C-alpha cells in the first residue's frame, strides 16, 4: 500500500502477513470467504472438490494481512490462516 504521507509510527509497526490454507474437501463453495476478504486475496477456483464445489484459492498471497475474517466466516471450518512468521518456522 502506498501512503500519500508516511505515518509517524511506520518504523515501529509491522503489517502482519499470512498464509491462507483451504481444506478443499471440506469446502462447500459458499463463497463467503471470497466475498468478505477485505484485500480481495481469494477467488473461487475452476477446479472441483469431491463434493462438486469450487473451493477458494489465493490470488493475492502478498495482499493477505492475516485478518482471519475468512477463517471466522467459514461455516464449514474449511479455511485457516497462519502468520507469515509461523509459516517460516515450520517450513
PDB file of N, CA and C in Angstrom:
ATOM      1  N   UNK A   1       0.843  -1.165   0.000  1.00  0.00           N
ATOM      2  CA  UNK A   1       0.000   0.000   0.000  1.00  0.00           C
ATOM      3  C   UNK A   1       0.891   1.232   0.000  1.00  0.00           C
ATOM      4  N   UNK A   2       0.523   2.199  -0.796  1.00  0.00           N
ATOM      5  CA  UNK A   2       1.294   3.433  -0.871  1.00  0.00           C
ATOM      6  C   UNK A   2       0.529   4.537  -0.163  1.00  0.00           C
ATOM      7  N   UNK A   3       1.191   5.193   0.768  1.00  0.00           N
ATOM      8  CA  UNK A   3       0.593   6.293   1.509  1.00  0.00           C
ATOM      9  C   UNK A   3       0.959   7.614   0.853  1.00  0.00           C
ATOM     10  N   UNK A   4       0.091   8.605   0.963  1.00  0.00           N
ATOM     11  CA  UNK A   4       0.411   9.928   0.449  1.00  0.00           C
ATOM     12  C   UNK A   4       1.335  10.662   1.411  1.00  0.00           C
ATOM     13  N   UNK A   5       1.428  10.129   2.632  1.00  0.00           N
ATOM     14  CA  UNK A   5       2.393  10.627   3.610  1.00  0.00           C
ATOM     15  C   UNK A   5       2.830   9.437   4.455  1.00  0.00           C
ATOM     16  N   UNK A   6       3.925   9.558   5.129  1.00  0.00           N
ATOM     17  CA  UNK A   6       4.436   8.467   5.953  1.00  0.00           C
ATOM     18  C   UNK A   6       3.874   8.577   7.364  1.00  0.00           C
ATOM     19  N   UNK A   7       3.257   7.502   7.876  1.00  0.00           N
ATOM     20  CA  UNK A   7       2.769   7.538   9.254  1.00  0.00           C
ATOM     21  C   UNK A   7       3.927   7.719  10.232  1.00  0.00           C
ATOM     22  N   UNK A   8       3.669   8.376  11.351  1.00  0.00           N
ATOM     23  CA  UNK A   8       4.726   8.655  12.328  1.00  0.00           C
ATOM     24  C   UNK A   8       5.299   7.390  12.954  1.00  0.00           C
ATOM     25  N   UNK A   9       4.489   6.334  13.053  1.00  0.00           N
ATOM     26  CA  UNK A   9       4.962   5.096  13.669  1.00  0.00           C
ATOM     27  C   UNK A   9       5.286   4.017  12.640  1.00  0.00           C
ATOM     28  N   UNK A  10       5.581   4.397  11.405  1.00  0.00           N
ATOM     29  CA  UNK A  10       5.829   3.433  10.334  1.00  0.00           C
ATOM     30  C   UNK A  10       7.031   2.533  10.625  1.00  0.00           C
ATOM     31  N   UNK A  11       8.009   3.036  11.344  1.00  0.00           N
ATOM     32  CA  UNK A  11       9.184   2.231  11.647  1.00  0.00           C
ATOM     33  C   UNK A  11       8.948   1.280  12.823  1.00  0.00           C
ATOM     34  N   UNK A  12       7.871   1.493  13.594  1.00  0.00           N
ATOM     35  CA  UNK A  12       7.592   0.657  14.761  1.00  0.00           C
ATOM     36  C   UNK A  12       6.526  -0.406  14.508  1.00  0.00           C
ATOM     37  N   UNK A  13       5.638  -0.167  13.571  1.00  0.00           N
ATOM     38  CA  UNK A  13       4.520  -1.061  13.304  1.00  0.00           C
ATOM     39  C   UNK A  13       4.851  -1.954  12.117  1.00  0.00           C
ATOM     40  N   UNK A  14       4.674  -3.247  12.303  1.00  0.00           N
ATOM     41  CA  UNK A  14       4.881  -4.197  11.224  1.00  0.00           C
ATOM     42  C   UNK A  14       3.513  -4.712  10.787  1.00  0.00           C
ATOM     43  N   UNK A  15       3.195  -4.550   9.514  1.00  0.00           N
ATOM     44  CA  UNK A  15       1.926  -5.033   8.987  1.00  0.00           C
ATOM     45  C   UNK A  15       2.011  -6.556   8.899  1.00  0.00           C
ATOM     46  N   UNK A  16       1.087  -7.271   9.546  1.00  0.00           N
ATOM     47  CA  UNK A  16       1.158  -8.733   9.507  1.00  0.00           C
ATOM     48  C   UNK A  16       0.791  -9.267   8.127  1.00  0.00           C
ATOM     49  N   UNK A  17       1.454 -10.322   7.745  1.00  0.00           N
ATOM     50  CA  UNK A  17       1.125 -11.022   6.507  1.00  0.00           C
ATOM     51  C   UNK A  17       0.902 -12.475   6.873  1.00  0.00           C
ATOM     52  N   UNK A  18       0.099 -13.140   6.082  1.00  0.00           N
ATOM     53  CA  UNK A  18      -0.233 -14.508   6.417  1.00  0.00           C
ATOM     54  C   UNK A  18      -0.329 -15.413   5.219  1.00  0.00           C
ATOM     55  N   UNK A  19      -0.477 -16.667   5.515  1.00  0.00           N
ATOM     56  CA  UNK A  19      -0.666 -17.720   4.529  1.00  0.00           C
ATOM     57  C   UNK A  19      -2.017 -18.341   4.818  1.00  0.00           C
ATOM     58  N   UNK A  20      -2.867 -18.434   3.808  1.00  0.00           N
ATOM     59  CA  UNK A  20      -4.205 -18.987   3.967  1.00  0.00           C
ATOM     60  C   UNK A  20      -4.236 -20.391   3.388  1.00  0.00           C
ATOM     61  N   UNK A  21      -4.779 -21.319   4.157  1.00  0.00           N
ATOM     62  CA  UNK A  21      -4.874 -22.712   3.737  1.00  0.00           C
ATOM     63  C   UNK A  21      -6.339 -23.111   3.641  1.00  0.00           C
ATOM     64  N   UNK A  22      -6.678 -23.853   2.605  1.00  0.00           N
ATOM     65  CA  UNK A  22      -8.041 -24.308   2.385  1.00  0.00           C
ATOM     66  C   UNK A  22      -8.055 -25.829   2.426  1.00  0.00           C
ATOM     67  N   UNK A  23      -8.959 -26.381   3.228  1.00  0.00           N
ATOM     68  CA  UNK A  23      -9.185 -27.822   3.225  1.00  0.00           C
ATOM     69  C   UNK A  23     -10.234 -28.052   2.146  1.00  0.00           C
ATOM     70  N   UNK A  24      -9.780 -28.342   0.940  1.00  0.00           N
ATOM     71  CA  UNK A  24     -10.630 -28.343  -0.246  1.00  0.00           C
ATOM     72  C   UNK A  24     -11.801 -29.311  -0.143  1.00  0.00           C
ATOM     73  N   UNK A  25     -11.589 -30.460   0.447  1.00  0.00           N
ATOM     74  CA  UNK A  25     -12.657 -31.464   0.510  1.00  0.00           C
ATOM     75  C   UNK A  25     -13.744 -31.093   1.517  1.00  0.00           C
ATOM     76  N   UNK A  26     -13.451 -30.191   2.414  1.00  0.00           N
ATOM     77  CA  UNK A  26     -14.434 -29.751   3.401  1.00  0.00           C
ATOM     78  C   UNK A  26     -15.277 -28.577   2.887  1.00  0.00           C
ATOM     79  N   UNK A  27     -14.781 -27.862   1.889  1.00  0.00           N
ATOM     80  CA  UNK A  27     -15.429 -26.652   1.377  1.00  0.00           C
ATOM     81  C   UNK A  27     -16.722 -26.995   0.632  1.00  0.00           C
ATOM     82  N   UNK A  28     -17.744 -26.149   0.813  1.00  0.00           N
ATOM     83  CA  UNK A  28     -18.993 -26.327   0.073  1.00  0.00           C
ATOM     84  C   UNK A  28     -19.227 -25.215  -0.946  1.00  0.00           C
ATOM     85  N   UNK A  29     -18.215 -24.399  -1.189  1.00  0.00           N
ATOM     86  CA  UNK A  29     -18.270 -23.400  -2.246  1.00  0.00           C
ATOM     87  C   UNK A  29     -19.228 -22.255  -2.015  1.00  0.00           C
ATOM     88  N   UNK A  30     -19.480 -21.883  -0.775  1.00  0.00           N
ATOM     89  CA  UNK A  30     -20.441 -20.810  -0.487  1.00  0.00           C
ATOM     90  C   UNK A  30     -19.924 -19.448  -0.941  1.00  0.00           C
ATOM     91  N   UNK A  31     -18.604 -19.256  -0.946  1.00  0.00           N
ATOM     92  CA  UNK A  31     -18.019 -18.005  -1.404  1.00  0.00           C
ATOM     93  C   UNK A  31     -17.979 -16.893  -0.375  1.00  0.00           C
ATOM     94  N   UNK A  32     -18.346 -17.175   0.880  1.00  0.00           N
ATOM     95  CA  UNK A  32     -18.307 -16.143   1.914  1.00  0.00           C
ATOM     96  C   UNK A  32     -16.899 -15.585   2.085  1.00  0.00           C
ATOM     97  N   UNK A  33     -15.900 -16.466   2.081  1.00  0.00           N
ATOM     98  CA  UNK A  33     -14.519 -16.017   2.275  1.00  0.00           C
ATOM     99  C   UNK A  33     -14.078 -15.094   1.144  1.00  0.00           C
ATOM    100  N   UNK A  34     -14.499 -15.401  -0.068  1.00  0.00           N
ATOM    101  CA  UNK A  34     -14.150 -14.577  -1.223  1.00  0.00           C
ATOM    102  C   UNK A  34     -14.860 -13.229  -1.146  1.00  0.00           C
ATOM    103  N   UNK A  35     -16.121 -13.252  -0.816  1.00  0.00           N
ATOM    104  CA  UNK A  35     -16.936 -12.038  -0.784  1.00  0.00           C
ATOM    105  C   UNK A  35     -16.489 -11.053   0.296  1.00  0.00           C
ATOM    106  N   UNK A  36     -16.090 -11.574   1.466  1.00  0.00           N
ATOM    107  CA  UNK A  36     -15.796 -10.696   2.595  1.00  0.00           C
ATOM    108  C   UNK A  36     -14.314 -10.446   2.835  1.00  0.00           C
ATOM    109  N   UNK A  37     -13.434 -10.964   1.994  1.00  0.00           N
ATOM    110  CA  UNK A  37     -11.998 -10.703   2.147  1.00  0.00           C
ATOM    111  C   UNK A  37     -11.739  -9.217   1.898  1.00  0.00           C
ATOM    112  N   UNK A  38     -11.220  -8.494   2.898  1.00  0.00           N
ATOM    113  CA  UNK A  38     -11.022  -7.046   2.734  1.00  0.00           C
ATOM    114  C   UNK A  38      -9.952  -6.690   1.710  1.00  0.00           C
ATOM    115  N   UNK A  39      -9.048  -7.602   1.422  1.00  0.00           N
ATOM    116  CA  UNK A  39      -7.964  -7.334   0.478  1.00  0.00           C
ATOM    117  C   UNK A  39      -8.168  -8.008  -0.875  1.00  0.00           C
ATOM    118  N   UNK A  40      -9.293  -8.708  -1.041  1.00  0.00           N
ATOM    119  CA  UNK A  40      -9.596  -9.411  -2.294  1.00  0.00           C
ATOM    120  C   UNK A  40      -8.470 -10.370  -2.688  1.00  0.00           C
ATOM    121  N   UNK A  41      -7.993 -11.134  -1.709  1.00  0.00           N
ATOM    122  CA  UNK A  41      -6.887 -12.056  -1.931  1.00  0.00           C
ATOM    123  C   UNK A  41      -7.357 -13.462  -2.295  1.00  0.00           C
ATOM    124  N   UNK A  42      -8.671 -13.700  -2.301  1.00  0.00           N
ATOM    125  CA  UNK A  42      -9.218 -15.024  -2.603  1.00  0.00           C
ATOM    126  C   UNK A  42     -10.160 -14.960  -3.803  1.00  0.00           C
ATOM    127  N   UNK A  43     -10.297 -16.085  -4.495  1.00  0.00           N
ATOM    128  CA  UNK A  43     -11.307 -16.247  -5.540  1.00  0.00           C
ATOM    129  C   UNK A  43     -11.696 -17.722  -5.595  1.00  0.00           C
ATOM    130  N   UNK A  44     -12.849 -17.994  -6.161  1.00  0.00           N
ATOM    131  CA  UNK A  44     -13.269 -19.381  -6.331  1.00  0.00           C
ATOM    132  C   UNK A  44     -12.480 -19.980  -7.491  1.00  0.00           C
ATOM    133  N   UNK A  45     -11.916 -21.151  -7.278  1.00  0.00           N
ATOM    134  CA  UNK A  45     -11.087 -21.784  -8.304  1.00  0.00           C
ATOM    135  C   UNK A  45     -11.951 -22.440  -9.372  1.00  0.00           C
ATOM    136  N   UNK A  46     -11.324 -22.849 -10.450  1.00  0.00           N
ATOM    137  CA  UNK A  46     -12.019 -23.539 -11.534  1.00  0.00           C
ATOM    138  C   UNK A  46     -12.128 -25.037 -11.281  1.00  0.00           C
ATOM    139  N   UNK A  47     -11.327 -25.552 -10.357  1.00  0.00           N
ATOM    140  CA  UNK A  47     -11.348 -26.995 -10.079  1.00  0.00           C
ATOM    141  C   UNK A  47     -12.500 -27.356  -9.140  1.00  0.00           C
ATOM    142  N   UNK A  48     -12.834 -28.620  -9.112  1.00  0.00           N
ATOM    143  CA  UNK A  48     -13.905 -29.132  -8.267  1.00  0.00           C
ATOM    144  C   UNK A  48     -13.320 -29.981  -7.142  1.00  0.00           C
ATOM    145  N   UNK A  49     -14.001 -29.994  -5.997  1.00  0.00           N
ATOM    146  CA  UNK A  49     -13.612 -30.920  -4.938  1.00  0.00           C
ATOM    147  C   UNK A  49     -14.473 -32.179  -5.042  1.00  0.00           C
ATOM    148  N   UNK A  50     -14.361 -33.074  -4.097  1.00  0.00           N
ATOM    149  CA  UNK A  50     -15.108 -34.343  -4.123  1.00  0.00           C
ATOM    150  C   UNK A  50     -16.613 -34.117  -4.117  1.00  0.00           C
ATOM    151  N   UNK A  51     -17.059 -33.051  -3.455  1.00  0.00           N
ATOM    152  CA  UNK A  51     -18.495 -32.758  -3.365  1.00  0.00           C
ATOM    153  C   UNK A  51     -19.036 -32.062  -4.617  1.00  0.00           C
ATOM    154  N   UNK A  52     -18.152 -31.640  -5.509  1.00  0.00           N
ATOM    155  CA  UNK A  52     -18.574 -30.964  -6.727  1.00  0.00           C
ATOM    156  C   UNK A  52     -18.621 -29.454  -6.621  1.00  0.00           C
ATOM    157  N   UNK A  53     -18.000 -28.896  -5.583  1.00  0.00           N
ATOM    158  CA  UNK A  53     -17.981 -27.448  -5.381  1.00  0.00           C
ATOM    159  C   UNK A  53     -16.634 -26.869  -5.798  1.00  0.00           C
ATOM    160  N   UNK A  54     -16.626 -25.578  -6.041  1.00  0.00           N
ATOM    161  CA  UNK A  54     -15.392 -24.852  -6.361  1.00  0.00           C
ATOM    162  C   UNK A  54     -14.810 -24.275  -5.073  1.00  0.00           C
ATOM    163  N   UNK A  55     -13.707 -24.819  -4.558  1.00  0.00           N
ATOM    164  CA  UNK A  55     -13.094 -24.250  -3.352  1.00  0.00           C
ATOM    165  C   UNK A  55     -12.341 -22.960  -3.687  1.00  0.00           C
ATOM    166  N   UNK A  56     -12.113 -22.102  -2.702  1.00  0.00           N
ATOM    167  CA  UNK A  56     -11.369 -20.860  -2.963  1.00  0.00           C
ATOM    168  C   UNK A  56      -9.876 -21.124  -3.131  1.00  0.00           C
ATOM    169  N   UNK A  57      -9.214 -20.173  -3.750  1.00  0.00           N
ATOM    170  CA  UNK A  57      -7.761 -20.218  -3.898  1.00  0.00           C
ATOM    171  C   UNK A  57      -7.209 -18.818  -3.702  1.00  0.00           C
ATOM    172  N   UNK A  58      -5.957 -18.745  -3.301  1.00  0.00           N
ATOM    173  CA  UNK A  58      -5.298 -17.454  -3.100  1.00  0.00           C
ATOM    174  C   UNK A  58      -4.881 -16.878  -4.442  1.00  0.00           C
ATOM    175  N   UNK A  59      -5.184 -15.615  -4.665  1.00  0.00           N
ATOM    176  CA  UNK A  59      -4.697 -14.931  -5.863  1.00  0.00           C
ATOM    177  C   UNK A  59      -3.774 -13.780  -5.490  1.00  0.00           C
ATOM    178  N   UNK A  60      -3.860 -13.345  -4.254  1.00  0.00           N
ATOM    179  CA  UNK A  60      -3.029 -12.233  -3.791  1.00  0.00           C
ATOM    180  C   UNK A  60      -2.298 -12.608  -2.525  1.00  0.00           C
ATOM    181  N   UNK A  61      -1.375 -13.544  -2.616  1.00  0.00           N
ATOM    182  CA  UNK A  61      -0.666 -14.023  -1.427  1.00  0.00           C
ATOM    183  C   UNK A  61       0.010 -12.879  -0.665  1.00  0.00           C
ATOM    184  N   UNK A  62       0.561 -11.931  -1.369  1.00  0.00           N
ATOM    185  CA  UNK A  62       1.230 -10.807  -0.718  1.00  0.00           C
ATOM    186  C   UNK A  62       0.241  -9.804  -0.134  1.00  0.00           C
ATOM    187  N   UNK A  63      -1.005  -9.871  -0.580  1.00  0.00           N
ATOM    188  CA  UNK A  63      -2.030  -8.949  -0.099  1.00  0.00           C
ATOM    189  C   UNK A  63      -2.622  -9.378   1.246  1.00  0.00           C
ATOM    190  N   UNK A  64      -2.566 -10.644   1.580  1.00  0.00           N
ATOM    191  CA  UNK A  64      -3.186 -11.157   2.803  1.00  0.00           C
ATOM    192  C   UNK A  64      -2.533 -10.519   4.033  1.00  0.00           C
ATOM    193  N   UNK A  65      -3.361  -9.893   4.880  1.00  0.00           N
ATOM    194  CA  UNK A  65      -2.861  -9.258   6.096  1.00  0.00           C
ATOM    195  C   UNK A  65      -3.199 -10.077   7.340  1.00  0.00           C
ATOM    196  N   UNK A  66      -3.579 -11.317   7.138  1.00  0.00           N
ATOM    197  CA  UNK A  66      -3.852 -12.255   8.231  1.00  0.00           C
ATOM    198  C   UNK A  66      -4.901 -11.707   9.197  1.00  0.00           C
ATOM    199  N   UNK A  67      -5.975 -11.166   8.640  1.00  0.00           N
ATOM    200  CA  UNK A  67      -7.044 -10.628   9.489  1.00  0.00           C
ATOM    201  C   UNK A  67      -7.890 -11.745  10.101  1.00  0.00           C
ATOM    202  N   UNK A  68      -7.917 -12.901   9.459  1.00  0.00           N
ATOM    203  CA  UNK A  68      -8.659 -14.040   9.991  1.00  0.00           C
ATOM    204  C   UNK A  68     -10.149 -14.008   9.708  1.00  0.00           C
ATOM    205  N   UNK A  69     -10.608 -13.051   8.922  1.00  0.00           N
ATOM    206  CA  UNK A  69     -12.039 -12.950   8.634  1.00  0.00           C
ATOM    207  C   UNK A  69     -12.534 -14.166   7.860  1.00  0.00           C
ATOM    208  N   UNK A  70     -11.767 -14.643   6.901  1.00  0.00           N
ATOM    209  CA  UNK A  70     -12.177 -15.826   6.141  1.00  0.00           C
ATOM    210  C   UNK A  70     -12.325 -17.035   7.060  1.00  0.00           C
ATOM    211  N   UNK A  71     -11.439 -17.145   8.011  1.00  0.00           N
ATOM    212  CA  UNK A  71     -11.461 -18.243   8.979  1.00  0.00           C
ATOM    213  C   UNK A  71     -12.698 -18.151   9.877  1.00  0.00           C
ATOM    214  N   UNK A  72     -13.048 -16.950  10.303  1.00  0.00           N
ATOM    215  CA  UNK A  72     -14.200 -16.762  11.188  1.00  0.00           C
ATOM    216  C   UNK A  72     -15.527 -16.957  10.467  1.00  0.00           C
ATOM    217  N   UNK A  73     -15.588 -16.593   9.206  1.00  0.00           N
ATOM    218  CA  UNK A  73     -16.862 -16.583   8.499  1.00  0.00           C
ATOM    219  C   UNK A  73     -17.188 -17.926   7.827  1.00  0.00           C
ATOM    220  N   UNK A  74     -16.225 -18.809   7.693  1.00  0.00           N
ATOM    221  CA  UNK A  74     -16.442 -20.088   7.003  1.00  0.00           C
ATOM    222  C   UNK A  74     -17.350 -21.001   7.828  1.00  0.00           C
ATOM    223  N   UNK A  75     -18.529 -21.367   7.297  1.00  0.00           N
ATOM    224  CA  UNK A  75     -19.455 -22.214   8.057  1.00  0.00           C
ATOM    225  C   UNK A  75     -18.994 -23.668   8.169  1.00  0.00           C
ATOM    226  N   UNK A  76     -18.080 -24.075   7.316  1.00  0.00           N
ATOM    227  CA  UNK A  76     -17.607 -25.463   7.310  1.00  0.00           C
ATOM    228  C   UNK A  76     -16.223 -25.634   7.936  1.00  0.00           C
ATOM    229  N   UNK A  77     -15.632 -24.565   8.455  1.00  0.00           N
ATOM    230  CA  UNK A  77     -14.276 -24.588   9.037  1.00  0.00           C
ATOM    231  C   UNK A  77     -13.265 -25.154   8.036  1.00  0.00           C
ATOM    232  N   UNK A  78     -13.393 -24.728   6.786  1.00  0.00           N
ATOM    233  CA  UNK A  78     -12.565 -25.266   5.717  1.00  0.00           C
ATOM    234  C   UNK A  78     -11.381 -24.376   5.372  1.00  0.00           C
ATOM    235  N   UNK A  79     -11.201 -23.274   6.076  1.00  0.00           N
ATOM    236  CA  UNK A  79     -10.120 -22.347   5.758  1.00  0.00           C
ATOM    237  C   UNK A  79      -9.488 -21.852   7.060  1.00  0.00           C
ATOM    238  N   UNK A  80      -8.178 -21.738   7.052  1.00  0.00           N
ATOM    239  CA  UNK A  80      -7.483 -21.209   8.229  1.00  0.00           C
ATOM    240  C   UNK A  80      -6.248 -20.441   7.792  1.00  0.00           C
ATOM    241  N   UNK A  81      -5.793 -19.574   8.660  1.00  0.00           N
ATOM    242  CA  UNK A  81      -4.668 -18.690   8.359  1.00  0.00           C
ATOM    243  C   UNK A  81      -3.562 -18.875   9.389  1.00  0.00           C
ATOM    244  N   UNK A  82      -2.347 -18.746   8.920  1.00  0.00           N
ATOM    245  CA  UNK A  82      -1.178 -18.730   9.795  1.00  0.00           C
ATOM    246  C   UNK A  82      -0.381 -17.481   9.486  1.00  0.00           C
ATOM    247  N   UNK A  83       0.192 -16.895  10.519  1.00  0.00           N
ATOM    248  CA  UNK A  83       1.036 -15.725  10.294  1.00  0.00           C
ATOM    249  C   UNK A  83       2.275 -16.133   9.527  1.00  0.00           C
ATOM    250  N   UNK A  84       2.808 -15.205   8.762  1.00  0.00           N
ATOM    251  CA  UNK A  84       3.966 -15.471   7.919  1.00  0.00           C
ATOM    252  C   UNK A  84       5.137 -16.003   8.733  1.00  0.00           C
ATOM    253  N   UNK A  85       5.361 -15.466   9.932  1.00  0.00           N
ATOM    254  CA  UNK A  85       6.456 -15.922  10.783  1.00  0.00           C
ATOM    255  C   UNK A  85       6.268 -17.364  11.191  1.00  0.00           C
ATOM    256  N   UNK A  86       5.021 -17.779  11.504  1.00  0.00           N
ATOM    257  CA  UNK A  86       4.745 -19.158  11.871  1.00  0.00           C
ATOM    258  C   UNK A  86       5.015 -20.091  10.703  1.00  0.00           C
ATOM    259  N   UNK A  87       4.697 -19.655   9.501  1.00  0.00           N
ATOM    260  CA  UNK A  87       4.915 -20.472   8.301  1.00  0.00           C
ATOM    261  C   UNK A  87       6.393 -20.693   8.093  1.00  0.00           C
ATOM    262  N   UNK A  88       7.216 -19.650   8.279  1.00  0.00           N
ATOM    263  CA  UNK A  88       8.643 -19.762   8.074  1.00  0.00           C
ATOM    264  C   UNK A  88       9.293 -20.695   9.090  1.00  0.00           C
ATOM    265  N   UNK A  89       8.805 -20.698  10.322  1.00  0.00           N
ATOM    266  CA  UNK A  89       9.370 -21.562  11.356  1.00  0.00           C
ATOM    267  C   UNK A  89       9.104 -23.028  11.035  1.00  0.00           C
ATOM    268  N   UNK A  90       7.886 -23.327  10.546  1.00  0.00           N
ATOM    269  CA  UNK A  90       7.520 -24.695  10.254  1.00  0.00           C
ATOM    270  C   UNK A  90       8.225 -25.220   9.003  1.00  0.00           C
ATOM    271  N   UNK A  91       8.403 -24.395   8.014  1.00  0.00           N
ATOM    272  CA  UNK A  91       8.908 -24.851   6.717  1.00  0.00           C
ATOM    273  C   UNK A  91      10.302 -24.589   6.551  1.00  0.00           C
TER     274      UNK A  91
END
